[in-house]
């Protein structure tokens, strides 16, 4: 019998991305560091239509199927508004986060780091209405 230790180190970082209200897919700081993101990296998306599963694939080269990962003030994001609109995600009314789960079994079929995107969807809190002119507290 062969026994193998399952290291807690591989579970220490919770990888997560969020669709912003603008439609961009944003990476948490922890996720960006863990994936070693840089402005030269790219993201591809794949969908299993039978199971309805969305996958994120981080690649090193830009091609016609890839989105350029962009950086602004140390924050990494992908301009995915049109894609999420096409897929029917209501990111304007919902807070949509995805837990990323590394998929090593698809590595032979697809090049890059592959992650299953497990969604968590919550209704966005309504923005507090601005006070009417002349209204008192």
C-alpha atoms as a PDB file:
ATOM      1  CA  UNK A   1       0.000   0.000   0.000  1.00  0.00           C
ATOM      2  CA  UNK A   2       1.342   3.425  -0.944  1.00  0.00           C
ATOM      3  CA  UNK A   3       0.440   6.330   1.323  1.00  0.00           C
ATOM      4  CA  UNK A   4       0.798   9.911   0.169  1.00  0.00           C
ATOM      5  CA  UNK A   5       0.570  12.985   2.400  1.00  0.00           C
ATOM      6  CA  UNK A   6      -1.986  15.571   1.272  1.00  0.00           C
ATOM      7  CA  UNK A   7      -0.297  18.891   1.962  1.00  0.00           C
ATOM      8  CA  UNK A   8      -2.325  21.700   3.532  1.00  0.00           C
ATOM      9  CA  UNK A   9      -0.102  24.111   1.584  1.00  0.00           C
ATOM     10  CA  UNK A  10      -1.968  23.418  -1.658  1.00  0.00           C
ATOM     11  CA  UNK A  11      -5.247  24.465  -0.008  1.00  0.00           C
ATOM     12  CA  UNK A  12      -3.939  27.574   1.755  1.00  0.00           C
ATOM     13  CA  UNK A  13      -4.962  30.023  -0.990  1.00  0.00           C
ATOM     14  CA  UNK A  14      -8.582  30.359  -2.016  1.00  0.00           C
ATOM     15  CA  UNK A  15      -8.553  31.248  -5.702  1.00  0.00           C
ATOM     16  CA  UNK A  16     -11.417  33.525  -6.645  1.00  0.00           C
ATOM     17  CA  UNK A  17     -12.523  35.906  -9.411  1.00  0.00           C
ATOM     18  CA  UNK A  18     -15.508  38.263  -9.529  1.00  0.00           C
ATOM     19  CA  UNK A  19     -17.532  39.754 -12.352  1.00  0.00           C
ATOM     20  CA  UNK A  20     -17.545  43.474 -11.578  1.00  0.00           C
ATOM     21  CA  UNK A  21     -20.655  45.619 -12.205  1.00  0.00           C
ATOM     22  CA  UNK A  22     -18.843  46.843 -15.346  1.00  0.00           C
ATOM     23  CA  UNK A  23     -18.631  43.290 -16.737  1.00  0.00           C
ATOM     24  CA  UNK A  24     -14.882  42.949 -16.154  1.00  0.00           C
ATOM     25  CA  UNK A  25     -13.603  39.776 -14.543  1.00  0.00           C
ATOM     26  CA  UNK A  26     -11.412  40.835 -11.622  1.00  0.00           C
ATOM     27  CA  UNK A  27      -8.819  38.753  -9.789  1.00  0.00           C
ATOM     28  CA  UNK A  28      -8.313  39.057  -6.039  1.00  0.00           C
ATOM     29  CA  UNK A  29      -4.775  40.016  -4.960  1.00  0.00           C
ATOM     30  CA  UNK A  30      -4.255  36.560  -3.512  1.00  0.00           C
ATOM     31  CA  UNK A  31      -5.391  34.901  -6.756  1.00  0.00           C
ATOM     32  CA  UNK A  32      -3.236  37.181  -8.946  1.00  0.00           C
ATOM     33  CA  UNK A  33      -0.141  36.354  -6.860  1.00  0.00           C
ATOM     34  CA  UNK A  34      -0.879  32.638  -6.803  1.00  0.00           C
ATOM     35  CA  UNK A  35      -1.370  32.539 -10.601  1.00  0.00           C
ATOM     36  CA  UNK A  36       1.699  34.768 -11.139  1.00  0.00           C
ATOM     37  CA  UNK A  37      -0.358  37.129 -13.301  1.00  0.00           C
ATOM     38  CA  UNK A  38       1.298  39.865 -15.324  1.00  0.00           C
ATOM     39  CA  UNK A  39       0.140  42.144 -18.112  1.00  0.00           C
ATOM     40  CA  UNK A  40       1.731  39.735 -20.608  1.00  0.00           C
ATOM     41  CA  UNK A  41      -0.512  36.819 -19.611  1.00  0.00           C
ATOM     42  CA  UNK A  42      -3.800  36.007 -21.332  1.00  0.00           C
ATOM     43  CA  UNK A  43      -7.056  34.295 -20.419  1.00  0.00           C
ATOM     44  CA  UNK A  44      -9.150  31.922 -22.465  1.00  0.00           C
ATOM     45  CA  UNK A  45     -12.570  30.612 -21.558  1.00  0.00           C
ATOM     46  CA  UNK A  46     -14.142  27.266 -22.409  1.00  0.00           C
ATOM     47  CA  UNK A  47     -17.605  25.945 -21.736  1.00  0.00           C
ATOM     48  CA  UNK A  48     -18.902  22.415 -21.280  1.00  0.00           C
ATOM     49  CA  UNK A  49     -22.342  22.880 -22.820  1.00  0.00           C
ATOM     50  CA  UNK A  50     -23.668  19.546 -21.522  1.00  0.00           C
ATOM     51  CA  UNK A  51     -22.823  20.308 -17.886  1.00  0.00           C
ATOM     52  CA  UNK A  52     -22.981  24.110 -18.088  1.00  0.00           C
ATOM     53  CA  UNK A  53     -19.479  24.422 -16.638  1.00  0.00           C
ATOM     54  CA  UNK A  54     -17.289  27.420 -17.464  1.00  0.00           C
ATOM     55  CA  UNK A  55     -13.493  27.108 -17.438  1.00  0.00           C
ATOM     56  CA  UNK A  56     -10.774  29.759 -17.168  1.00  0.00           C
ATOM     57  CA  UNK A  57      -7.464  28.991 -18.857  1.00  0.00           C
ATOM     58  CA  UNK A  58      -4.390  31.128 -18.144  1.00  0.00           C
ATOM     59  CA  UNK A  59      -1.940  31.138 -21.058  1.00  0.00           C
ATOM     60  CA  UNK A  60       1.294  32.949 -21.896  1.00  0.00           C
ATOM     61  CA  UNK A  61       0.539  33.938 -25.503  1.00  0.00           C
ATOM     62  CA  UNK A  62      -2.158  36.063 -27.066  1.00  0.00           C
ATOM     63  CA  UNK A  63      -4.060  34.456 -29.944  1.00  0.00           C
ATOM     64  CA  UNK A  64      -7.466  34.961 -31.547  1.00  0.00           C
ATOM     65  CA  UNK A  65      -9.229  33.003 -28.754  1.00  0.00           C
ATOM     66  CA  UNK A  66      -7.526  34.771 -25.843  1.00  0.00           C
ATOM     67  CA  UNK A  67      -8.330  37.890 -23.838  1.00  0.00           C
ATOM     68  CA  UNK A  68      -5.390  40.057 -22.780  1.00  0.00           C
ATOM     69  CA  UNK A  69      -5.078  40.269 -18.990  1.00  0.00           C
ATOM     70  CA  UNK A  70      -4.851  43.936 -18.089  1.00  0.00           C
ATOM     71  CA  UNK A  71      -3.425  45.681 -15.061  1.00  0.00           C
ATOM     72  CA  UNK A  72      -4.439  48.958 -13.477  1.00  0.00           C
ATOM     73  CA  UNK A  73      -2.735  50.108 -10.265  1.00  0.00           C
ATOM     74  CA  UNK A  74      -1.741  46.547  -9.379  1.00  0.00           C
ATOM     75  CA  UNK A  75      -5.258  45.210  -9.997  1.00  0.00           C
ATOM     76  CA  UNK A  76      -5.608  42.519 -12.678  1.00  0.00           C
ATOM     77  CA  UNK A  77      -8.741  42.093 -14.778  1.00  0.00           C
ATOM     78  CA  UNK A  78     -10.026  40.747 -18.083  1.00  0.00           C
ATOM     79  CA  UNK A  79     -12.387  42.831 -20.287  1.00  0.00           C
ATOM     80  CA  UNK A  80     -15.178  40.248 -20.489  1.00  0.00           C
ATOM     81  CA  UNK A  81     -18.361  42.360 -20.611  1.00  0.00           C
ATOM     82  CA  UNK A  82     -19.535  41.193 -24.043  1.00  0.00           C
ATOM     83  CA  UNK A  83     -18.774  37.548 -23.264  1.00  0.00           C
ATOM     84  CA  UNK A  84     -20.734  37.565 -19.991  1.00  0.00           C
ATOM     85  CA  UNK A  85     -23.592  39.418 -21.713  1.00  0.00           C
ATOM     86  CA  UNK A  86     -23.685  36.680 -24.380  1.00  0.00           C
ATOM     87  CA  UNK A  87     -23.604  33.953 -21.695  1.00  0.00           C
ATOM     88  CA  UNK A  88     -26.533  35.596 -19.880  1.00  0.00           C
ATOM     89  CA  UNK A  89     -24.856  36.523 -16.585  1.00  0.00           C
ATOM     90  CA  UNK A  90     -26.773  39.337 -14.836  1.00  0.00           C
ATOM     91  CA  UNK A  91     -23.751  40.966 -13.187  1.00  0.00           C
ATOM     92  CA  UNK A  92     -25.499  44.351 -12.895  1.00  0.00           C
ATOM     93  CA  UNK A  93     -28.118  43.008 -10.454  1.00  0.00           C
ATOM     94  CA  UNK A  94     -26.106  40.173  -8.926  1.00  0.00           C
ATOM     95  CA  UNK A  95     -22.744  39.800  -7.250  1.00  0.00           C
ATOM     96  CA  UNK A  96     -21.185  36.914  -9.195  1.00  0.00           C
ATOM     97  CA  UNK A  97     -18.042  35.282  -7.856  1.00  0.00           C
ATOM     98  CA  UNK A  98     -16.333  32.135  -9.041  1.00  0.00           C
ATOM     99  CA  UNK A  99     -14.201  29.812  -6.955  1.00  0.00           C
ATOM    100  CA  UNK A 100     -11.399  28.514  -9.162  1.00  0.00           C
ATOM    101  CA  UNK A 101     -10.647  24.806  -8.961  1.00  0.00           C
ATOM    102  CA  UNK A 102      -7.468  23.632 -10.717  1.00  0.00           C
ATOM    103  CA  UNK A 103      -8.103  20.962 -13.350  1.00  0.00           C
ATOM    104  CA  UNK A 104      -5.036  18.863 -14.029  1.00  0.00           C
ATOM    105  CA  UNK A 105      -6.920  16.118 -15.881  1.00  0.00           C
ATOM    106  CA  UNK A 106      -7.554  18.402 -18.908  1.00  0.00           C
ATOM    107  CA  UNK A 107      -3.902  19.409 -19.347  1.00  0.00           C
ATOM    108  CA  UNK A 108      -3.297  17.097 -22.300  1.00  0.00           C
ATOM    109  CA  UNK A 109      -6.272  18.472 -24.256  1.00  0.00           C
ATOM    110  CA  UNK A 110      -5.806  22.181 -23.555  1.00  0.00           C
ATOM    111  CA  UNK A 111      -2.610  24.186 -23.098  1.00  0.00           C
ATOM    112  CA  UNK A 112      -2.279  26.437 -20.025  1.00  0.00           C
ATOM    113  CA  UNK A 113      -3.389  26.441 -16.381  1.00  0.00           C
ATOM    114  CA  UNK A 114      -7.021  25.283 -16.416  1.00  0.00           C
ATOM    115  CA  UNK A 115      -9.549  26.140 -13.711  1.00  0.00           C
ATOM    116  CA  UNK A 116     -13.170  25.118 -13.308  1.00  0.00           C
ATOM    117  CA  UNK A 117     -15.193  28.237 -12.438  1.00  0.00           C
ATOM    118  CA  UNK A 118     -17.644  27.313  -9.654  1.00  0.00           C
ATOM    119  CA  UNK A 119     -20.188  30.175  -9.410  1.00  0.00           C
ATOM    120  CA  UNK A 120     -21.547  31.838  -6.275  1.00  0.00           C
ATOM    121  CA  UNK A 121     -24.344  34.275  -7.099  1.00  0.00           C
ATOM    122  CA  UNK A 122     -25.928  36.699  -4.612  1.00  0.00           C
ATOM    123  CA  UNK A 123     -28.318  39.578  -5.181  1.00  0.00           C
ATOM    124  CA  UNK A 124     -26.509  42.937  -5.131  1.00  0.00           C
ATOM    125  CA  UNK A 125     -27.463  45.235  -2.301  1.00  0.00           C
ATOM    126  CA  UNK A 126     -29.508  48.165  -3.514  1.00  0.00           C
ATOM    127  CA  UNK A 127     -27.619  51.406  -3.572  1.00  0.00           C
ATOM    128  CA  UNK A 128     -28.861  53.884  -1.044  1.00  0.00           C
ATOM    129  CA  UNK A 129     -30.913  56.523  -2.818  1.00  0.00           C
ATOM    130  CA  UNK A 130     -29.462  59.999  -2.658  1.00  0.00           C
ATOM    131  CA  UNK A 131     -31.404  62.415  -0.499  1.00  0.00           C
ATOM    132  CA  UNK A 132     -33.847  64.630  -2.245  1.00  0.00           C
ATOM    133  CA  UNK A 133     -32.928  68.327  -2.300  1.00  0.00           C
ATOM    134  CA  UNK A 134     -34.236  69.964   0.860  1.00  0.00           C
ATOM    135  CA  UNK A 135     -34.865  66.650   2.652  1.00  0.00           C
ATOM    136  CA  UNK A 136     -33.734  66.497   6.278  1.00  0.00           C
ATOM    137  CA  UNK A 137     -32.531  63.504   8.260  1.00  0.00           C
END
